[in-house]
Amino acid sequence: MSAAYKAAGISYNRLLAISGRVLRRSLKEDKRIQAERRGESELRVAFWKNGKQSEAKPIDQVTKEAAQPSA
């Protein structure tokens, strides 16, 4: 028998995201705020050139810079 989330067409990762969000929303105000802060993450990217690492930048900033037409 297949798992219920598979039958619903949801990936396991998505199931965990939904479960975490439901759990955080069910907490009391002070605990909920702490839990939401822990749930936030920031992806940073750094490029390597000639054996040296560039400055690590937030991924959204790198994406915006790449989308801008070069002058």
C-alpha atoms as a PDB file:
ATOM      1  CA  MET A   1       0.000   0.000   0.000  1.00  0.00           C
ATOM      2  CA  SER A   2       1.298   3.412  -0.955  1.00  0.00           C
ATOM      3  CA  ALA A   3       1.762   6.261   1.496  1.00  0.00           C
ATOM      4  CA  ALA A   4      -1.082   8.796   1.611  1.00  0.00           C
ATOM      5  CA  TYR A   5       1.143  11.690   0.537  1.00  0.00           C
ATOM      6  CA  LYS A   6       2.197   9.772  -2.592  1.00  0.00           C
ATOM      7  CA  ALA A   7      -1.424   9.006  -3.427  1.00  0.00           C
ATOM      8  CA  ALA A   8      -2.164  12.730  -3.095  1.00  0.00           C
ATOM      9  CA  GLY A   9       0.676  13.537  -5.510  1.00  0.00           C
ATOM     10  CA  ILE A  10       2.840  15.321  -2.925  1.00  0.00           C
ATOM     11  CA  SER A  11       6.568  14.759  -2.584  1.00  0.00           C
ATOM     12  CA  TYR A  12       8.035  13.853   0.793  1.00  0.00           C
ATOM     13  CA  ASN A  13       9.872  17.193   0.900  1.00  0.00           C
ATOM     14  CA  ARG A  14       6.612  19.069   0.321  1.00  0.00           C
ATOM     15  CA  LEU A  15       4.897  16.976   3.008  1.00  0.00           C
ATOM     16  CA  LEU A  16       7.581  17.973   5.521  1.00  0.00           C
ATOM     17  CA  ALA A  17       7.259  21.652   4.573  1.00  0.00           C
ATOM     18  CA  ILE A  18       3.493  21.559   5.044  1.00  0.00           C
ATOM     19  CA  SER A  19       3.795  19.681   8.356  1.00  0.00           C
ATOM     20  CA  GLY A  20       6.363  22.144   9.681  1.00  0.00           C
ATOM     21  CA  ARG A  21       4.242  25.140   8.711  1.00  0.00           C
ATOM     22  CA  VAL A  22       1.154  23.646  10.388  1.00  0.00           C
ATOM     23  CA  LEU A  23       3.114  22.894  13.547  1.00  0.00           C
ATOM     24  CA  ARG A  24       4.618  26.407  13.728  1.00  0.00           C
ATOM     25  CA  ARG A  25       1.186  28.002  13.244  1.00  0.00           C
ATOM     26  CA  SER A  26      -0.266  25.943  16.088  1.00  0.00           C
ATOM     27  CA  LEU A  27       2.229  27.237  18.682  1.00  0.00           C
ATOM     28  CA  LYS A  28       1.550  30.051  21.132  1.00  0.00           C
ATOM     29  CA  GLU A  29       2.697  33.507  20.038  1.00  0.00           C
ATOM     30  CA  ASP A  30       6.081  33.664  21.812  1.00  0.00           C
ATOM     31  CA  LYS A  31       7.113  30.124  20.835  1.00  0.00           C
ATOM     32  CA  ARG A  32       5.764  30.590  17.304  1.00  0.00           C
ATOM     33  CA  ILE A  33       7.968  33.625  16.678  1.00  0.00           C
ATOM     34  CA  GLN A  34      11.058  31.727  17.857  1.00  0.00           C
ATOM     35  CA  ALA A  35      10.178  28.731  15.685  1.00  0.00           C
ATOM     36  CA  GLU A  36       9.581  30.888  12.606  1.00  0.00           C
ATOM     37  CA  ARG A  37      13.009  32.491  13.013  1.00  0.00           C
ATOM     38  CA  ARG A  38      14.617  29.059  13.148  1.00  0.00           C
ATOM     39  CA  GLY A  39      12.753  28.078  10.006  1.00  0.00           C
ATOM     40  CA  GLU A  40      14.238  30.905   7.955  1.00  0.00           C
ATOM     41  CA  SER A  41      17.339  30.207   5.971  1.00  0.00           C
ATOM     42  CA  GLU A  42      19.489  32.229   3.681  1.00  0.00           C
ATOM     43  CA  LEU A  43      21.380  30.728   0.812  1.00  0.00           C
ATOM     44  CA  ARG A  44      24.659  32.397  -0.028  1.00  0.00           C
ATOM     45  CA  VAL A  45      26.871  31.729  -3.013  1.00  0.00           C
ATOM     46  CA  ALA A  46      30.563  32.364  -3.604  1.00  0.00           C
ATOM     47  CA  PHE A  47      32.534  31.803  -6.784  1.00  0.00           C
ATOM     48  CA  TRP A  48      36.107  30.560  -7.020  1.00  0.00           C
ATOM     49  CA  LYS A  49      38.546  32.111  -9.472  1.00  0.00           C
ATOM     50  CA  ASN A  50      42.270  31.334  -9.686  1.00  0.00           C
ATOM     51  CA  GLY A  51      42.100  29.375  -6.434  1.00  0.00           C
ATOM     52  CA  LYS A  52      40.559  32.251  -4.441  1.00  0.00           C
ATOM     53  CA  GLN A  53      37.030  32.572  -3.146  1.00  0.00           C
ATOM     54  CA  SER A  54      35.019  35.684  -3.940  1.00  0.00           C
ATOM     55  CA  GLU A  55      32.804  37.415  -1.384  1.00  0.00           C
ATOM     56  CA  ALA A  56      29.774  35.313  -0.425  1.00  0.00           C
ATOM     57  CA  LYS A  57      26.558  37.019  -1.548  1.00  0.00           C
ATOM     58  CA  PRO A  58      22.888  36.154  -1.013  1.00  0.00           C
ATOM     59  CA  ILE A  59      21.597  34.025  -3.876  1.00  0.00           C
ATOM     60  CA  ASP A  60      18.756  36.460  -4.684  1.00  0.00           C
ATOM     61  CA  GLN A  61      21.277  39.281  -5.159  1.00  0.00           C
ATOM     62  CA  VAL A  62      23.403  37.140  -7.517  1.00  0.00           C
ATOM     63  CA  THR A  63      20.290  36.160  -9.467  1.00  0.00           C
ATOM     64  CA  LYS A  64      19.248  39.818  -9.878  1.00  0.00           C
ATOM     65  CA  GLU A  65      22.746  40.807 -11.015  1.00  0.00           C
ATOM     66  CA  ALA A  66      22.783  38.004 -13.585  1.00  0.00           C
ATOM     67  CA  ALA A  67      19.372  39.056 -14.930  1.00  0.00           C
ATOM     68  CA  GLN A  68      20.461  42.656 -15.552  1.00  0.00           C
ATOM     69  CA  PRO A  69      21.757  43.330 -19.059  1.00  0.00           C
ATOM     70  CA  SER A  70      25.468  44.075 -19.054  1.00  0.00           C
ATOM     71  CA  ALA A  71      26.417  47.574 -20.146  1.00  0.00           C
END
